[in-house]
C-alpha atoms as a PDB file:
ATOM      1  CA  MET A   1      64.509  70.263-130.322  1.00  0.00           C
ATOM      2  CA  ARG A   2      61.743  69.815-127.724  1.00  0.00           C
ATOM      3  CA  ILE A   3      62.682  70.842-124.189  1.00  0.00           C
ATOM      4  CA  ASP A   4      61.915  67.446-122.657  1.00  0.00           C
ATOM      5  CA  LYS A   5      64.121  65.732-125.212  1.00  0.00           C
ATOM      6  CA  PHE A   6      66.824  68.383-124.737  1.00  0.00           C
ATOM      7  CA  LEU A   7      66.944  67.931-120.945  1.00  0.00           C
ATOM      8  CA  TRP A   8      67.143  64.178-121.428  1.00  0.00           C
ATOM      9  CA  SER A   9      69.816  64.430-124.118  1.00  0.00           C
ATOM     10  CA  ILE A  10      72.112  66.611-121.975  1.00  0.00           C
ATOM     11  CA  ARG A  11      71.650  64.117-119.131  1.00  0.00           C
ATOM     12  CA  PHE A  12      69.871  66.478-116.755  1.00  0.00           C
ATOM     13  CA  TYR A  13      67.170  63.834-116.270  1.00  0.00           C
ATOM     14  CA  LYS A  14      67.595  60.086-116.493  1.00  0.00           C
ATOM     15  CA  THR A  15      64.616  59.510-118.775  1.00  0.00           C
ATOM     16  CA  ARG A  16      62.579  61.634-121.120  1.00  0.00           C
ATOM     17  CA  ASN A  17      59.440  60.685-119.224  1.00  0.00           C
ATOM     18  CA  ILE A  18      60.861  62.098-115.971  1.00  0.00           C
ATOM     19  CA  ALA A  19      61.777  65.301-117.802  1.00  0.00           C
ATOM     20  CA  ALA A  20      58.219  65.601-119.142  1.00  0.00           C
ATOM     21  CA  GLU A  21      56.753  65.052-115.664  1.00  0.00           C
ATOM     22  CA  GLU A  22      58.965  67.755-114.160  1.00  0.00           C
ATOM     23  CA  ILE A  23      57.891  70.149-116.906  1.00  0.00           C
ATOM     24  CA  LYS A  24      54.213  69.382-116.152  1.00  0.00           C
ATOM     25  CA  LYS A  25      54.870  70.223-112.496  1.00  0.00           C
ATOM     26  CA  ASN A  26      56.109  73.689-113.602  1.00  0.00           C
ATOM     27  CA  ARG A  27      59.664  73.074-112.409  1.00  0.00           C
ATOM     28  CA  VAL A  28      61.194  74.041-115.758  1.00  0.00           C
ATOM     29  CA  SER A  29      61.021  77.457-117.398  1.00  0.00           C
ATOM     30  CA  ILE A  30      62.687  79.354-120.207  1.00  0.00           C
ATOM     31  CA  GLY A  31      63.259  82.944-119.257  1.00  0.00           C
ATOM     32  CA  GLU A  32      60.475  83.869-116.847  1.00  0.00           C
ATOM     33  CA  SER A  33      57.667  81.743-118.305  1.00  0.00           C
ATOM     34  CA  THR A  34      56.917  78.110-117.589  1.00  0.00           C
ATOM     35  CA  VAL A  35      56.847  75.858-120.617  1.00  0.00           C
ATOM     36  CA  LYS A  36      55.191  72.743-121.986  1.00  0.00           C
ATOM     37  CA  SER A  37      57.079  69.647-123.110  1.00  0.00           C
ATOM     38  CA  SER A  38      56.632  70.605-126.746  1.00  0.00           C
ATOM     39  CA  LYS A  39      58.433  73.976-126.394  1.00  0.00           C
ATOM     40  CA  GLU A  40      61.335  74.274-128.817  1.00  0.00           C
ATOM     41  CA  VAL A  41      64.752  75.077-127.358  1.00  0.00           C
ATOM     42  CA  LYS A  42      67.022  77.489-129.224  1.00  0.00           C
ATOM     43  CA  GLU A  43      70.663  78.395-128.841  1.00  0.00           C
ATOM     44  CA  GLY A  44      71.134  81.179-126.321  1.00  0.00           C
ATOM     45  CA  ASP A  45      68.071  80.274-124.213  1.00  0.00           C
ATOM     46  CA  ILE A  46      68.491  80.281-120.438  1.00  0.00           C
ATOM     47  CA  ILE A  47      66.618  77.395-118.854  1.00  0.00           C
ATOM     48  CA  LYS A  48      65.711  77.464-115.158  1.00  0.00           C
ATOM     49  CA  ILE A  49      65.213  74.074-113.533  1.00  0.00           C
ATOM     50  CA  ARG A  50      64.077  73.329-109.976  1.00  0.00           C
ATOM     51  CA  LYS A  51      65.627  70.028-108.899  1.00  0.00           C
ATOM     52  CA  ASN A  52      66.526  68.779-105.407  1.00  0.00           C
ATOM     53  CA  GLN A  53      65.309  72.065-103.877  1.00  0.00           C
ATOM     54  CA  ILE A  54      67.901  73.949-105.939  1.00  0.00           C
ATOM     55  CA  ASP A  55      67.249  76.406-108.775  1.00  0.00           C
ATOM     56  CA  TYR A  56      69.630  75.496-111.604  1.00  0.00           C
ATOM     57  CA  LYS A  57      70.214  77.823-114.554  1.00  0.00           C
ATOM     58  CA  ILE A  58      71.762  76.585-117.780  1.00  0.00           C
ATOM     59  CA  LYS A  59      72.489  78.422-120.978  1.00  0.00           C
ATOM     60  CA  VAL A  60      72.076  76.543-124.250  1.00  0.00           C
ATOM     61  CA  ILE A  61      75.250  76.818-126.343  1.00  0.00           C
ATOM     62  CA  GLN A  62      74.484  74.185-128.947  1.00  0.00           C
ATOM     63  CA  ILE A  63      71.625  71.759-129.634  1.00  0.00           C
ATOM     64  CA  PRO A  64      72.741  68.104-129.666  1.00  0.00           C
ATOM     65  CA  LYS A  65      71.431  65.775-132.374  1.00  0.00           C
ATOM     66  CA  SER A  66      70.698  62.999-129.878  1.00  0.00           C
ATOM     67  CA  ARG A  67      71.634  61.921-126.342  1.00  0.00           C
ATOM     68  CA  ILE A  68      75.277  62.687-125.686  1.00  0.00           C
ATOM     69  CA  GLY A  69      77.944  61.327-123.398  1.00  0.00           C
ATOM     70  CA  ALA A  70      78.645  62.980-120.073  1.00  0.00           C
ATOM     71  CA  LYS A  71      82.022  64.286-121.251  1.00  0.00           C
ATOM     72  CA  LEU A  72      80.385  66.150-124.152  1.00  0.00           C
ATOM     73  CA  VAL A  73      77.759  67.974-122.062  1.00  0.00           C
ATOM     74  CA  PRO A  74      79.935  71.094-121.475  1.00  0.00           C
ATOM     75  CA  LEU A  75      80.091  71.603-125.250  1.00  0.00           C
ATOM     76  CA  HIS A  76      76.308  72.022-125.396  1.00  0.00           C
ATOM     77  CA  ILE A  77      75.394  73.884-122.191  1.00  0.00           C
ATOM     78  CA  LYS A  78      76.946  76.345-119.770  1.00  0.00           C
ATOM     79  CA  ASP A  79      76.049  76.239-116.083  1.00  0.00           C
ATOM     80  CA  VAL A  80      75.143  79.750-114.876  1.00  0.00           C
ATOM     81  CA  THR A  81      73.640  78.688-111.536  1.00  0.00           C
ATOM     82  CA  ASP A  82      74.222  81.057-108.617  1.00  0.00           C
ATOM     83  CA  LYS A  83      76.926  79.950-106.178  1.00  0.00           C
ATOM     84  CA  GLU A  84      74.494  80.395-103.281  1.00  0.00           C
ATOM     85  CA  GLN A  85      72.380  77.554-104.652  1.00  0.00           C
ATOM     86  CA  TYR A  86      75.325  75.155-104.536  1.00  0.00           C
ATOM     87  CA  GLU A  87      76.151  76.322-101.000  1.00  0.00           C
ATOM     88  CA  LEU A  88      72.571  75.524 -99.963  1.00  0.00           C
ATOM     89  CA  LEU A  89      72.928  72.059-101.445  1.00  0.00           C
ATOM     90  CA  LYS A  90      76.198  71.533 -99.581  1.00  0.00           C
ATOM     91  CA  LEU A  91      74.633  72.657 -96.283  1.00  0.00           C
ATOM     92  CA  ARG A  92      71.706  70.294 -96.752  1.00  0.00           C
ATOM     93  CA  LYS A  93      74.020  67.365 -97.389  1.00  0.00           C
ATOM     94  CA  MET A  94      76.097  68.243 -94.332  1.00  0.00           C
ATOM     95  CA  SER A  95      72.981  68.407 -92.153  1.00  0.00           C
ATOM     96  CA  GLN A  96      71.920  64.960 -93.355  1.00  0.00           C
ATOM     97  CA  ASP A  97      75.369  63.524 -92.663  1.00  0.00           C
ATOM     98  CA  TYR A  98      75.185  64.885 -89.124  1.00  0.00           C
ATOM     99  CA  TYR A  99      72.463  62.396 -88.215  1.00  0.00           C
ATOM    100  CA  ARG A 100      73.857  59.376 -90.032  1.00  0.00           C
ATOM    101  CA  ILE A 101      77.306  58.825 -91.433  1.00  0.00           C
ATOM    102  CA  LYS A 102      77.265  58.124 -95.163  1.00  0.00           C
ATOM    103  CA  GLY A 103      77.744  54.457 -95.926  1.00  0.00           C
ATOM    104  CA  GLU A 104      76.505  53.324 -92.538  1.00  0.00           C
ATOM    105  CA  GLY A 105      73.174  52.317 -94.026  1.00  0.00           C
ATOM    106  CA  ARG A 106      70.242  50.760 -92.293  1.00  0.00           C
ATOM    107  CA  PRO A 107      70.679  48.705 -89.126  1.00  0.00           C
ATOM    108  CA  THR A 108      71.268  45.009 -89.689  1.00  0.00           C
ATOM    109  CA  LYS A 109      69.029  42.324 -88.235  1.00  0.00           C
ATOM    110  CA  LYS A 110      71.484  41.807 -85.415  1.00  0.00           C
ATOM    111  CA  ASP A 111      71.598  45.545 -84.689  1.00  0.00           C
ATOM    112  CA  ARG A 112      67.799  45.658 -84.612  1.00  0.00           C
ATOM    113  CA  ARG A 113      67.631  42.692 -82.215  1.00  0.00           C
ATOM    114  CA  ASP A 114      70.215  44.290 -79.944  1.00  0.00           C
ATOM    115  CA  MET A 115      68.254  47.543 -79.892  1.00  0.00           C
ATOM    116  CA  ASP A 116      64.991  45.708 -79.165  1.00  0.00           C
ATOM    117  CA  GLU A 117      66.610  43.692 -76.395  1.00  0.00           C
ATOM    118  CA  TYR A 118      68.054  46.839 -74.872  1.00  0.00           C
ATOM    119  CA  THR A 119      64.716  48.645 -74.852  1.00  0.00           C
ATOM    120  CA  GLU A 120      62.811  45.596 -73.511  1.00  0.00           C
ATOM    121  CA  ASN A 121      65.253  45.002 -70.667  1.00  0.00           C
ATOM    122  CA  ASP A 122      65.365  48.447 -69.094  1.00  0.00           C
ATOM    123  CA  ILE A 123      67.528  47.578 -66.092  1.00  0.00           C
ATOM    124  CA  THR A 124      66.984  50.631 -63.901  1.00  0.00           C
ATOM    125  CA  SER A 125      63.187  50.311 -63.713  1.00  0.00           C
ATOM    126  CA  ASP A 126      63.064  46.591 -62.719  1.00  0.00           C
ATOM    127  CA  PHE A 127      65.667  46.376 -59.990  1.00  0.00           C
ATOM    128  CA  THR A 128      65.159  47.387 -56.390  1.00  0.00           C
ATOM    129  CA  ASP A 129      67.715  45.072 -54.787  1.00  0.00           C
ATOM    130  CA  TRP A 130      71.186  46.261 -55.822  1.00  0.00           C
ATOM    131  CA  ASP A 131      72.935  43.179 -54.427  1.00  0.00           C
ATOM    132  CA  ASP A 132      71.036  41.016 -56.924  1.00  0.00           C
ATOM    133  CA  PHE A 133      71.851  43.500 -59.685  1.00  0.00           C
ATOM    134  CA  PHE A 134      75.593  43.288 -59.103  1.00  0.00           C
ATOM    135  CA  GLY A 135      75.506  39.526 -58.537  1.00  0.00           C
ATOM    136  CA  GLU A 136      76.862  39.686 -54.981  1.00  0.00           C
ATOM    137  CA  THR A 137      74.796  36.926 -53.452  1.00  0.00           C
ATOM    138  CA  ASP A 138      76.186  34.407 -51.017  1.00  0.00           C
ATOM    139  CA  ASN A 139      74.193  31.584 -52.644  1.00  0.00           C
ATOM    140  CA  ASN A 140      76.305  31.638 -55.827  1.00  0.00           C
ATOM    141  CA  SER A 141      79.619  31.436 -53.996  1.00  0.00           C
ATOM    142  CA  ASP A 142      78.493  28.509 -51.805  1.00  0.00           C
ATOM    143  CA  ASP A 143      77.414  26.396 -54.786  1.00  0.00           C
ATOM    144  CA  GLU A 144      80.845  26.576 -56.438  1.00  0.00           C
ATOM    145  CA  ASP A 145      82.727  25.133 -53.416  1.00  0.00           C
END
């Protein structure tokens, strides 16, 4: 089976076209040599894949006949990726979560307006009279009586 079709069939890439593009970018290799999309995969091959800044290594156990379900993937490949690579991935995700909590998403329109209003009305630079700032004027109290 061709390597691009194999990577698609074991669900490593969402489409066969994406798999072929990654192979063209030299992010996939068998052994120590980079490959072309037409390279045949055999049982026992160790495939190295660079994805999401991580170097994955998978060993081919069995060649599937066509695209397989996610539950059947362990029957066809064995993950032999170094543990350090997964630790790097975990650290990167933690560093991203530090800046923005997952699920918080982009600011809403209201949030954006509030931020714009806050930055436009910088209180400390405009005020010189603190009595006006705190609203302690005698004119306001006389009008209410």
